Amino acid sequence: MDRKEEIRDAARQSFSILGYKATTMDHVAKAANVGKGTIYNFFRNKEELFQDIIAELLLEMKRKAESVMDDEQSLKENVHRSLVELLQYRKSHQLTVKLVYEAREIGTAAVKEALQNIESLILDYLKEKVIAAVAEGDIRQCDPEITAFMMLKLYTALIIDWEEGHEPLSKEKILHLFDDYVFKGLSPE
C-alpha cells in the first residue's frame, strides 16, 4: 500500500471514530504512522482530505446500488432493492453513522454538506430511474425530482426512522407498503 492510501485509510478511520470536527491532521498522521508534513504532500488541508474520503464513499454507494439493479425487473423492484441496499449501508457503515450523528448533534457545516452530497447522489440516481420508467410507459407522467425525493424519504422513514421506536420491517413489508403508497398511485392505468 502506498503512502497516500495509508493516509486515506487513517483518515477514514479517524473520521469514523472521532467525527469530522474532532479529527485533526495530527490524529491522521499518527494513525498513518507518517509525519504531518507527509499528509500535506497529498492533501492541502483536512477539508480536502475529508472531501476525498466522501468522494470515495459516494462511489462505493453508487456501486452498491448498481450491484442490485436488474434490467429484467420493474422500476418498483429496482428502486426497492437499491434503496434498501443504500439505507442499510448507511445504517451500518461506521463513517455514515458518525456523520449523521455529528450533523444532528453538533451541526458541523462540512458534515452537513457531505450528507447533502450523499442525498443528492441518491436523488439523482432515482430521478434517472423515474425518467426512464416514464419514457418506457411503466409509470405515468410525474415530476421526477419530487417523485425521487418522496421515494427516498419514504424509504428513509420505513428503514431508519421507523426502527427508532418499532420492530424493523421486513424487506417484503417495505416493498408492499411502497407499492401501496407509491406505485398504485403512479400506475399508467
N, C-alpha and C. Protein backbone atom coordinates (compact mmCIF):
# COMPACT_ATOMS: atom_id res chain seq x y z
N MET A 1 0.85 -1.17 0.00
CA MET A 1 0.00 0.00 0.00
C MET A 1 0.90 1.24 0.00
N ASP A 2 0.53 2.21 -0.82
CA ASP A 2 1.35 3.42 -0.90
C ASP A 2 0.97 4.41 0.21
N ARG A 3 1.79 5.41 0.36
CA ARG A 3 1.62 6.40 1.45
C ARG A 3 0.26 7.10 1.38
N LYS A 4 -0.14 7.50 0.20
CA LYS A 4 -1.41 8.21 0.07
C LYS A 4 -2.57 7.33 0.54
N GLU A 5 -2.53 6.08 0.17
CA GLU A 5 -3.60 5.17 0.59
C GLU A 5 -3.55 4.92 2.10
N GLU A 6 -2.38 4.86 2.67
CA GLU A 6 -2.24 4.71 4.12
C GLU A 6 -2.84 5.92 4.83
N ILE A 7 -2.60 7.09 4.29
CA ILE A 7 -3.16 8.31 4.86
C ILE A 7 -4.68 8.30 4.74
N ARG A 8 -5.17 7.90 3.59
CA ARG A 8 -6.62 7.84 3.39
C ARG A 8 -7.26 6.85 4.36
N ASP A 9 -6.64 5.68 4.54
CA ASP A 9 -7.17 4.69 5.48
C ASP A 9 -7.19 5.25 6.90
N ALA A 10 -6.12 5.92 7.29
CA ALA A 10 -6.04 6.50 8.63
C ALA A 10 -7.10 7.60 8.80
N ALA A 11 -7.29 8.40 7.77
CA ALA A 11 -8.30 9.46 7.83
C ALA A 11 -9.70 8.87 7.91
N ARG A 12 -9.96 7.87 7.11
CA ARG A 12 -11.26 7.20 7.12
C ARG A 12 -11.56 6.68 8.54
N GLN A 13 -10.57 6.06 9.14
CA GLN A 13 -10.73 5.52 10.48
C GLN A 13 -10.93 6.66 11.50
N SER A 14 -10.15 7.71 11.40
CA SER A 14 -10.28 8.84 12.33
C SER A 14 -11.64 9.52 12.21
N PHE A 15 -12.08 9.78 10.98
CA PHE A 15 -13.38 10.41 10.78
C PHE A 15 -14.51 9.50 11.29
N SER A 16 -14.34 8.19 11.12
CA SER A 16 -15.36 7.23 11.56
C SER A 16 -15.47 7.15 13.07
N ILE A 17 -14.36 7.28 13.75
CA ILE A 17 -14.35 7.15 15.21
C ILE A 17 -14.56 8.49 15.89
N LEU A 18 -13.82 9.50 15.46
CA LEU A 18 -13.85 10.81 16.13
C LEU A 18 -14.85 11.78 15.53
N GLY A 19 -15.21 11.57 14.28
CA GLY A 19 -16.04 12.53 13.57
C GLY A 19 -15.15 13.54 12.86
N TYR A 20 -15.77 14.37 12.06
CA TYR A 20 -15.01 15.35 11.29
C TYR A 20 -14.39 16.42 12.20
N LYS A 21 -15.22 16.98 13.05
CA LYS A 21 -14.77 18.12 13.86
C LYS A 21 -13.60 17.75 14.78
N ALA A 22 -13.65 16.58 15.39
CA ALA A 22 -12.62 16.20 16.36
C ALA A 22 -11.36 15.63 15.70
N THR A 23 -11.45 15.25 14.45
CA THR A 23 -10.28 14.70 13.76
C THR A 23 -9.32 15.84 13.42
N THR A 24 -8.05 15.64 13.72
CA THR A 24 -7.02 16.61 13.36
C THR A 24 -6.02 15.93 12.43
N MET A 25 -5.23 16.72 11.77
CA MET A 25 -4.19 16.16 10.91
C MET A 25 -3.16 15.41 11.76
N ASP A 26 -2.98 15.83 13.00
CA ASP A 26 -2.09 15.10 13.91
C ASP A 26 -2.61 13.69 14.16
N HIS A 27 -3.94 13.55 14.37
CA HIS A 27 -4.54 12.22 14.55
C HIS A 27 -4.27 11.35 13.33
N VAL A 28 -4.52 11.92 12.17
CA VAL A 28 -4.35 11.16 10.93
C VAL A 28 -2.88 10.76 10.75
N ALA A 29 -1.97 11.68 11.00
CA ALA A 29 -0.53 11.40 10.84
C ALA A 29 -0.12 10.26 11.77
N LYS A 30 -0.56 10.34 13.00
CA LYS A 30 -0.21 9.30 13.97
C LYS A 30 -0.78 7.95 13.55
N ALA A 31 -2.05 7.92 13.14
CA ALA A 31 -2.68 6.67 12.72
C ALA A 31 -2.04 6.09 11.47
N ALA A 32 -1.55 6.97 10.58
CA ALA A 32 -0.90 6.51 9.34
C ALA A 32 0.58 6.24 9.53
N ASN A 33 1.07 6.60 10.72
CA ASN A 33 2.49 6.42 11.02
C ASN A 33 3.38 7.21 10.05
N VAL A 34 2.95 8.46 9.80
CA VAL A 34 3.73 9.36 8.94
C VAL A 34 3.84 10.71 9.65
N GLY A 35 4.76 11.52 9.21
CA GLY A 35 4.84 12.89 9.70
C GLY A 35 3.68 13.70 9.13
N LYS A 36 3.25 14.69 9.88
CA LYS A 36 2.13 15.53 9.42
C LYS A 36 2.45 16.17 8.07
N GLY A 37 3.70 16.54 7.85
CA GLY A 37 4.10 17.13 6.57
C GLY A 37 3.87 16.21 5.39
N THR A 38 3.97 14.90 5.62
CA THR A 38 3.73 13.94 4.54
C THR A 38 2.30 14.03 4.04
N ILE A 39 1.37 14.24 4.95
CA ILE A 39 -0.04 14.36 4.55
C ILE A 39 -0.22 15.53 3.59
N TYR A 40 0.48 16.63 3.88
CA TYR A 40 0.34 17.84 3.05
C TYR A 40 0.98 17.67 1.66
N ASN A 41 1.74 16.62 1.45
CA ASN A 41 2.23 16.30 0.11
C ASN A 41 1.09 15.83 -0.78
N PHE A 42 0.02 15.31 -0.17
CA PHE A 42 -1.10 14.74 -0.91
C PHE A 42 -2.39 15.55 -0.79
N PHE A 43 -2.57 16.20 0.37
CA PHE A 43 -3.81 16.93 0.64
C PHE A 43 -3.48 18.29 1.24
N ARG A 44 -4.11 19.35 0.73
CA ARG A 44 -3.82 20.70 1.20
C ARG A 44 -4.23 20.92 2.65
N ASN A 45 -5.34 20.28 3.05
CA ASN A 45 -5.87 20.50 4.40
C ASN A 45 -6.85 19.39 4.76
N LYS A 46 -7.38 19.48 5.95
CA LYS A 46 -8.33 18.46 6.44
C LYS A 46 -9.58 18.42 5.56
N GLU A 47 -10.02 19.58 5.12
CA GLU A 47 -11.24 19.64 4.29
C GLU A 47 -11.05 18.86 2.99
N GLU A 48 -9.90 19.04 2.35
CA GLU A 48 -9.65 18.33 1.11
C GLU A 48 -9.55 16.82 1.35
N LEU A 49 -8.93 16.44 2.42
CA LEU A 49 -8.83 15.02 2.78
C LEU A 49 -10.22 14.45 3.04
N PHE A 50 -11.04 15.19 3.76
CA PHE A 50 -12.41 14.75 4.04
C PHE A 50 -13.21 14.61 2.74
N GLN A 51 -13.09 15.59 1.85
CA GLN A 51 -13.81 15.52 0.57
C GLN A 51 -13.37 14.29 -0.24
N ASP A 52 -12.09 13.96 -0.17
CA ASP A 52 -11.58 12.77 -0.85
C ASP A 52 -12.24 11.50 -0.29
N ILE A 53 -12.36 11.43 1.02
CA ILE A 53 -12.99 10.28 1.67
C ILE A 53 -14.47 10.22 1.31
N ILE A 54 -15.14 11.36 1.28
CA ILE A 54 -16.57 11.39 0.92
C ILE A 54 -16.76 11.00 -0.54
N ALA A 55 -15.89 11.45 -1.43
CA ALA A 55 -15.99 11.07 -2.85
C ALA A 55 -15.87 9.56 -2.99
N GLU A 56 -14.98 8.97 -2.24
CA GLU A 56 -14.82 7.51 -2.26
C GLU A 56 -16.09 6.82 -1.73
N LEU A 57 -16.67 7.38 -0.67
CA LEU A 57 -17.90 6.84 -0.10
C LEU A 57 -19.04 6.91 -1.11
N LEU A 58 -19.13 8.02 -1.83
CA LEU A 58 -20.18 8.16 -2.85
C LEU A 58 -20.03 7.12 -3.95
N LEU A 59 -18.81 6.88 -4.38
CA LEU A 59 -18.57 5.85 -5.40
C LEU A 59 -18.97 4.47 -4.88
N GLU A 60 -18.63 4.18 -3.65
CA GLU A 60 -18.99 2.89 -3.05
C GLU A 60 -20.51 2.74 -2.97
N MET A 61 -21.19 3.80 -2.59
CA MET A 61 -22.65 3.74 -2.51
C MET A 61 -23.27 3.54 -3.89
N LYS A 62 -22.73 4.20 -4.89
CA LYS A 62 -23.24 4.02 -6.25
C LYS A 62 -23.02 2.58 -6.71
N ARG A 63 -21.86 2.02 -6.42
CA ARG A 63 -21.59 0.61 -6.77
C ARG A 63 -22.58 -0.32 -6.06
N LYS A 64 -22.87 -0.03 -4.80
CA LYS A 64 -23.82 -0.85 -4.03
C LYS A 64 -25.19 -0.81 -4.69
N ALA A 65 -25.65 0.38 -5.05
CA ALA A 65 -26.96 0.50 -5.68
C ALA A 65 -27.00 -0.22 -7.02
N GLU A 66 -25.97 -0.05 -7.82
CA GLU A 66 -25.94 -0.68 -9.14
C GLU A 66 -25.81 -2.20 -9.05
N SER A 67 -25.20 -2.69 -7.98
CA SER A 67 -25.00 -4.13 -7.85
C SER A 67 -26.30 -4.90 -7.68
N VAL A 68 -27.35 -4.24 -7.23
CA VAL A 68 -28.62 -4.94 -7.02
C VAL A 68 -29.64 -4.64 -8.12
N MET A 69 -29.27 -3.80 -9.07
CA MET A 69 -30.18 -3.46 -10.16
C MET A 69 -30.24 -4.61 -11.16
N ASP A 70 -31.42 -4.81 -11.71
CA ASP A 70 -31.64 -5.88 -12.67
C ASP A 70 -32.54 -5.34 -13.78
N ASP A 71 -32.00 -5.28 -14.99
CA ASP A 71 -32.77 -4.74 -16.12
C ASP A 71 -34.06 -5.51 -16.40
N GLU A 72 -34.13 -6.72 -15.91
CA GLU A 72 -35.33 -7.54 -16.11
C GLU A 72 -36.43 -7.22 -15.09
N GLN A 73 -36.10 -6.45 -14.07
CA GLN A 73 -37.06 -6.12 -13.01
C GLN A 73 -37.72 -4.77 -13.28
N SER A 74 -38.84 -4.55 -12.63
CA SER A 74 -39.58 -3.29 -12.77
C SER A 74 -38.87 -2.17 -12.01
N LEU A 75 -39.28 -0.95 -12.30
CA LEU A 75 -38.77 0.21 -11.57
C LEU A 75 -39.02 0.03 -10.07
N LYS A 76 -40.23 -0.40 -9.73
CA LYS A 76 -40.59 -0.59 -8.32
C LYS A 76 -39.62 -1.55 -7.64
N GLU A 77 -39.36 -2.67 -8.24
CA GLU A 77 -38.46 -3.67 -7.65
C GLU A 77 -37.03 -3.15 -7.58
N ASN A 78 -36.57 -2.49 -8.64
CA ASN A 78 -35.20 -1.97 -8.64
C ASN A 78 -35.01 -0.83 -7.64
N VAL A 79 -35.98 0.06 -7.55
CA VAL A 79 -35.90 1.14 -6.57
C VAL A 79 -35.89 0.54 -5.17
N HIS A 80 -36.77 -0.41 -4.94
CA HIS A 80 -36.82 -1.07 -3.64
C HIS A 80 -35.48 -1.69 -3.29
N ARG A 81 -34.94 -2.48 -4.20
CA ARG A 81 -33.69 -3.17 -3.92
C ARG A 81 -32.54 -2.19 -3.69
N SER A 82 -32.46 -1.15 -4.53
CA SER A 82 -31.35 -0.21 -4.39
C SER A 82 -31.48 0.64 -3.12
N LEU A 83 -32.68 1.10 -2.79
CA LEU A 83 -32.85 1.91 -1.59
C LEU A 83 -32.64 1.10 -0.31
N VAL A 84 -33.11 -0.14 -0.30
CA VAL A 84 -32.84 -0.99 0.86
C VAL A 84 -31.33 -1.17 1.02
N GLU A 85 -30.65 -1.44 -0.07
CA GLU A 85 -29.20 -1.63 -0.03
C GLU A 85 -28.49 -0.37 0.47
N LEU A 86 -28.85 0.78 -0.09
CA LEU A 86 -28.20 2.03 0.30
C LEU A 86 -28.48 2.42 1.74
N LEU A 87 -29.71 2.29 2.16
CA LEU A 87 -30.05 2.72 3.51
C LEU A 87 -29.53 1.74 4.56
N GLN A 88 -29.49 0.46 4.23
CA GLN A 88 -28.87 -0.50 5.15
C GLN A 88 -27.38 -0.20 5.26
N TYR A 89 -26.77 0.14 4.15
CA TYR A 89 -25.35 0.52 4.15
C TYR A 89 -25.13 1.75 5.03
N ARG A 90 -25.98 2.74 4.84
CA ARG A 90 -25.87 3.97 5.64
C ARG A 90 -26.04 3.69 7.13
N LYS A 91 -26.95 2.78 7.46
CA LYS A 91 -27.20 2.43 8.85
C LYS A 91 -26.05 1.68 9.49
N SER A 92 -25.33 0.91 8.70
CA SER A 92 -24.31 0.04 9.28
C SER A 92 -22.88 0.53 9.05
N HIS A 93 -22.68 1.44 8.13
CA HIS A 93 -21.33 1.92 7.82
C HIS A 93 -20.91 2.92 8.89
N GLN A 94 -19.80 2.64 9.54
CA GLN A 94 -19.38 3.44 10.70
C GLN A 94 -19.20 4.92 10.37
N LEU A 95 -18.66 5.24 9.20
CA LEU A 95 -18.46 6.64 8.85
C LEU A 95 -19.79 7.37 8.68
N THR A 96 -20.73 6.77 7.96
CA THR A 96 -22.00 7.46 7.75
C THR A 96 -22.78 7.60 9.06
N VAL A 97 -22.70 6.59 9.92
CA VAL A 97 -23.36 6.68 11.22
C VAL A 97 -22.79 7.85 12.01
N LYS A 98 -21.47 7.98 12.03
CA LYS A 98 -20.82 9.07 12.76
C LYS A 98 -21.18 10.42 12.15
N LEU A 99 -21.23 10.49 10.83
CA LEU A 99 -21.56 11.76 10.17
C LEU A 99 -22.99 12.19 10.46
N VAL A 100 -23.92 11.26 10.41
CA VAL A 100 -25.32 11.59 10.71
C VAL A 100 -25.43 12.10 12.15
N TYR A 101 -24.76 11.42 13.06
CA TYR A 101 -24.77 11.85 14.46
C TYR A 101 -24.17 13.25 14.61
N GLU A 102 -23.02 13.47 13.99
CA GLU A 102 -22.36 14.77 14.11
C GLU A 102 -23.21 15.89 13.51
N ALA A 103 -23.83 15.63 12.38
CA ALA A 103 -24.67 16.66 11.75
C ALA A 103 -25.85 17.02 12.66
N ARG A 104 -26.44 16.00 13.26
CA ARG A 104 -27.61 16.23 14.10
C ARG A 104 -27.24 16.87 15.44
N GLU A 105 -26.18 16.37 16.07
CA GLU A 105 -25.83 16.82 17.42
C GLU A 105 -24.96 18.06 17.47
N ILE A 106 -24.06 18.21 16.50
CA ILE A 106 -23.11 19.33 16.53
C ILE A 106 -23.42 20.35 15.43
N GLY A 107 -23.92 19.86 14.31
CA GLY A 107 -24.26 20.75 13.20
C GLY A 107 -23.06 21.22 12.40
N THR A 108 -22.00 20.43 12.34
CA THR A 108 -20.80 20.80 11.60
C THR A 108 -21.14 21.02 10.13
N ALA A 109 -20.82 22.19 9.61
CA ALA A 109 -21.19 22.57 8.24
C ALA A 109 -20.62 21.61 7.20
N ALA A 110 -19.36 21.23 7.32
CA ALA A 110 -18.74 20.33 6.34
C ALA A 110 -19.43 18.96 6.33
N VAL A 111 -19.87 18.51 7.48
CA VAL A 111 -20.56 17.23 7.58
C VAL A 111 -21.96 17.33 6.98
N LYS A 112 -22.65 18.42 7.27
CA LYS A 112 -23.97 18.62 6.67
C LYS A 112 -23.87 18.65 5.14
N GLU A 113 -22.83 19.31 4.64
CA GLU A 113 -22.62 19.36 3.19
C GLU A 113 -22.34 17.97 2.63
N ALA A 114 -21.53 17.19 3.33
CA ALA A 114 -21.22 15.82 2.88
C ALA A 114 -22.49 14.97 2.83
N LEU A 115 -23.32 15.07 3.86
CA LEU A 115 -24.56 14.31 3.88
C LEU A 115 -25.51 14.78 2.78
N GLN A 116 -25.51 16.07 2.51
CA GLN A 116 -26.33 16.58 1.41
C GLN A 116 -25.83 16.02 0.07
N ASN A 117 -24.52 15.90 -0.08
CA ASN A 117 -23.96 15.32 -1.30
C ASN A 117 -24.37 13.86 -1.45
N ILE A 118 -24.40 13.13 -0.35
CA ILE A 118 -24.84 11.74 -0.38
C ILE A 118 -26.30 11.67 -0.80
N GLU A 119 -27.13 12.50 -0.18
CA GLU A 119 -28.54 12.51 -0.54
C GLU A 119 -28.74 12.93 -1.99
N SER A 120 -27.99 13.90 -2.46
CA SER A 120 -28.10 14.35 -3.86
C SER A 120 -27.74 13.23 -4.83
N LEU A 121 -26.71 12.47 -4.50
CA LEU A 121 -26.33 11.34 -5.35
C LEU A 121 -27.48 10.35 -5.46
N ILE A 122 -28.08 10.01 -4.33
CA ILE A 122 -29.19 9.06 -4.33
C ILE A 122 -30.37 9.63 -5.11
N LEU A 123 -30.69 10.91 -4.87
CA LEU A 123 -31.82 11.53 -5.56
C LEU A 123 -31.60 11.59 -7.07
N ASP A 124 -30.40 11.94 -7.49
CA ASP A 124 -30.11 11.99 -8.93
C ASP A 124 -30.25 10.60 -9.55
N TYR A 125 -29.79 9.60 -8.85
CA TYR A 125 -29.87 8.22 -9.32
C TYR A 125 -31.34 7.81 -9.48
N LEU A 126 -32.15 8.09 -8.45
CA LEU A 126 -33.58 7.77 -8.51
C LEU A 126 -34.29 8.55 -9.61
N LYS A 127 -33.93 9.80 -9.74
CA LYS A 127 -34.55 10.65 -10.77
C LYS A 127 -34.32 10.07 -12.16
N GLU A 128 -33.10 9.60 -12.42
CA GLU A 128 -32.81 8.96 -13.70
C GLU A 128 -33.70 7.74 -13.93
N LYS A 129 -33.89 6.95 -12.89
CA LYS A 129 -34.73 5.75 -12.99
C LYS A 129 -36.19 6.11 -13.24
N VAL A 130 -36.66 7.17 -12.59
CA VAL A 130 -38.04 7.61 -12.79
C VAL A 130 -38.23 8.13 -14.21
N ILE A 131 -37.30 8.92 -14.71
CA ILE A 131 -37.39 9.44 -16.07
C ILE A 131 -37.44 8.29 -17.08
N ALA A 132 -36.60 7.28 -16.87
CA ALA A 132 -36.58 6.12 -17.77
C ALA A 132 -37.91 5.36 -17.70
N ALA A 133 -38.47 5.21 -16.50
CA ALA A 133 -39.74 4.49 -16.34
C ALA A 133 -40.89 5.24 -17.01
N VAL A 134 -40.89 6.56 -16.92
CA VAL A 134 -41.92 7.35 -17.60
C VAL A 134 -41.77 7.18 -19.11
N ALA A 135 -40.55 7.26 -19.63
CA ALA A 135 -40.31 7.12 -21.07
C ALA A 135 -40.74 5.75 -21.58
N GLU A 136 -40.58 4.72 -20.74
CA GLU A 136 -40.95 3.37 -21.14
C GLU A 136 -42.43 3.07 -20.91
N GLY A 137 -43.16 4.01 -20.30
CA GLY A 137 -44.58 3.81 -20.03
C GLY A 137 -44.87 2.95 -18.82
N ASP A 138 -43.86 2.70 -17.99
CA ASP A 138 -44.06 1.90 -16.78
C ASP A 138 -44.83 2.66 -15.71
N ILE A 139 -44.67 3.98 -15.69
CA ILE A 139 -45.43 4.83 -14.78
C ILE A 139 -45.92 6.04 -15.55
N ARG A 140 -46.94 6.67 -15.01
CA ARG A 140 -47.49 7.84 -15.71
C ARG A 140 -46.55 9.04 -15.55
N GLN A 141 -46.80 10.06 -16.32
CA GLN A 141 -46.01 11.28 -16.26
C GLN A 141 -46.06 11.85 -14.85
N CYS A 142 -44.89 12.23 -14.32
CA CYS A 142 -44.81 12.80 -12.98
C CYS A 142 -43.57 13.70 -12.93
N ASP A 143 -43.46 14.43 -11.86
CA ASP A 143 -42.27 15.25 -11.66
C ASP A 143 -41.18 14.33 -11.11
N PRO A 144 -40.15 14.03 -11.91
CA PRO A 144 -39.14 13.05 -11.47
C PRO A 144 -38.38 13.48 -10.22
N GLU A 145 -38.14 14.77 -10.06
CA GLU A 145 -37.39 15.24 -8.90
C GLU A 145 -38.19 15.05 -7.61
N ILE A 146 -39.45 15.44 -7.65
CA ILE A 146 -40.31 15.28 -6.48
C ILE A 146 -40.56 13.81 -6.19
N THR A 147 -40.76 13.02 -7.24
CA THR A 147 -41.01 11.59 -7.06
C THR A 147 -39.79 10.91 -6.44
N ALA A 148 -38.61 11.23 -6.92
CA ALA A 148 -37.38 10.66 -6.36
C ALA A 148 -37.24 11.05 -4.89
N PHE A 149 -37.49 12.32 -4.57
CA PHE A 149 -37.41 12.80 -3.20
C PHE A 149 -38.39 12.05 -2.30
N MET A 150 -39.62 11.91 -2.76
CA MET A 150 -40.64 11.23 -1.97
C MET A 150 -40.28 9.76 -1.76
N MET A 151 -39.74 9.11 -2.79
CA MET A 151 -39.33 7.71 -2.65
C MET A 151 -38.23 7.56 -1.59
N LEU A 152 -37.23 8.40 -1.68
CA LEU A 152 -36.12 8.34 -0.72
C LEU A 152 -36.61 8.60 0.70
N LYS A 153 -37.44 9.60 0.87
CA LYS A 153 -37.92 9.94 2.20
C LYS A 153 -38.82 8.85 2.77
N LEU A 154 -39.63 8.23 1.93
CA LEU A 154 -40.47 7.13 2.40
C LEU A 154 -39.60 5.96 2.86
N TYR A 155 -38.61 5.61 2.07
CA TYR A 155 -37.72 4.51 2.46
C TYR A 155 -36.91 4.86 3.71
N THR A 156 -36.45 6.09 3.80
CA THR A 156 -35.72 6.51 5.00
C THR A 156 -36.62 6.38 6.22
N ALA A 157 -37.87 6.79 6.07
CA ALA A 157 -38.82 6.68 7.19
C ALA A 157 -39.07 5.22 7.56
N LEU A 158 -39.23 4.36 6.57
CA LEU A 158 -39.55 2.95 6.85
C LEU A 158 -38.36 2.14 7.34
N ILE A 159 -37.16 2.47 6.89
CA ILE A 159 -35.99 1.68 7.25
C ILE A 159 -35.26 2.26 8.46
N ILE A 160 -35.12 3.55 8.53
CA ILE A 160 -34.32 4.15 9.60
C ILE A 160 -35.21 4.72 10.71
N ASP A 161 -36.09 5.62 10.38
CA ASP A 161 -36.89 6.30 11.39
C ASP A 161 -37.85 5.35 12.12
N TRP A 162 -38.48 4.47 11.39
CA TRP A 162 -39.43 3.52 11.98
C TRP A 162 -38.77 2.70 13.08
N GLU A 163 -37.54 2.29 12.85
CA GLU A 163 -36.85 1.40 13.78
C GLU A 163 -36.47 2.08 15.10
N GLU A 164 -36.55 3.39 15.15
CA GLU A 164 -36.22 4.08 16.40
C GLU A 164 -37.23 3.76 17.50
N GLY A 165 -38.45 3.38 17.13
CA GLY A 165 -39.45 3.08 18.15
C GLY A 165 -40.25 1.83 17.89
N HIS A 166 -39.87 1.07 16.84
CA HIS A 166 -40.65 -0.11 16.44
C HIS A 166 -39.73 -1.24 16.03
N GLU A 167 -40.32 -2.40 15.90
CA GLU A 167 -39.60 -3.54 15.34
C GLU A 167 -39.30 -3.24 13.87
N PRO A 168 -38.12 -3.62 13.39
CA PRO A 168 -37.80 -3.39 11.97
C PRO A 168 -38.82 -4.08 11.06
N LEU A 169 -39.10 -3.45 9.96
CA LEU A 169 -39.99 -4.03 8.96
C LEU A 169 -39.18 -4.94 8.04
N SER A 170 -39.80 -6.00 7.59
CA SER A 170 -39.13 -6.88 6.64
C SER A 170 -39.03 -6.19 5.28
N LYS A 171 -38.11 -6.65 4.46
CA LYS A 171 -37.98 -6.10 3.11
C LYS A 171 -39.27 -6.28 2.33
N GLU A 172 -39.92 -7.41 2.54
CA GLU A 172 -41.19 -7.69 1.84
C GLU A 172 -42.28 -6.71 2.27
N LYS A 173 -42.35 -6.43 3.56
CA LYS A 173 -43.35 -5.48 4.06
C LYS A 173 -43.08 -4.08 3.52
N ILE A 174 -41.82 -3.70 3.49
CA ILE A 174 -41.46 -2.38 2.96
C ILE A 174 -41.85 -2.29 1.49
N LEU A 175 -41.57 -3.33 0.72
CA LEU A 175 -41.95 -3.33 -0.70
C LEU A 175 -43.47 -3.24 -0.85
N HIS A 176 -44.21 -3.96 -0.02
CA HIS A 176 -45.67 -3.92 -0.07
C HIS A 176 -46.17 -2.50 0.24
N LEU A 177 -45.62 -1.88 1.27
CA LEU A 177 -46.02 -0.51 1.62
C LEU A 177 -45.66 0.47 0.50
N PHE A 178 -44.46 0.29 -0.05
CA PHE A 178 -44.01 1.14 -1.15
C PHE A 178 -44.96 1.01 -2.33
N ASP A 179 -45.35 -0.20 -2.65
CA ASP A 179 -46.28 -0.45 -3.74
C ASP A 179 -47.63 0.22 -3.46
N ASP A 180 -48.15 0.03 -2.24
CA ASP A 180 -49.45 0.61 -1.88
C ASP A 180 -49.43 2.13 -1.91
N TYR A 181 -48.39 2.73 -1.33
CA TYR A 181 -48.37 4.18 -1.17
C TYR A 181 -47.85 4.94 -2.37
N VAL A 182 -47.07 4.27 -3.21
CA VAL A 182 -46.45 4.98 -4.33
C VAL A 182 -46.94 4.46 -5.67
N PHE A 183 -46.66 3.21 -5.97
CA PHE A 183 -46.86 2.75 -7.33
C PHE A 183 -48.30 2.57 -7.74
N LYS A 184 -49.15 2.24 -6.85
CA LYS A 184 -50.57 2.15 -7.24
C LYS A 184 -51.09 3.51 -7.63
N GLY A 185 -50.50 4.55 -7.06
CA GLY A 185 -50.86 5.92 -7.42
C GLY A 185 -50.17 6.40 -8.70
N LEU A 186 -49.10 5.73 -9.12
CA LEU A 186 -48.37 6.11 -10.33
C LEU A 186 -48.69 5.20 -11.52
N SER A 187 -49.54 4.24 -11.30
CA SER A 187 -49.87 3.28 -12.35
C SER A 187 -50.39 3.99 -13.59
N PRO A 188 -49.97 3.57 -14.79
CA PRO A 188 -50.44 4.23 -16.01
C PRO A 188 -51.90 3.95 -16.31
N GLU A 189 -52.54 3.01 -15.64
CA GLU A 189 -53.93 2.69 -15.91
C GLU A 189 -54.88 3.55 -15.12
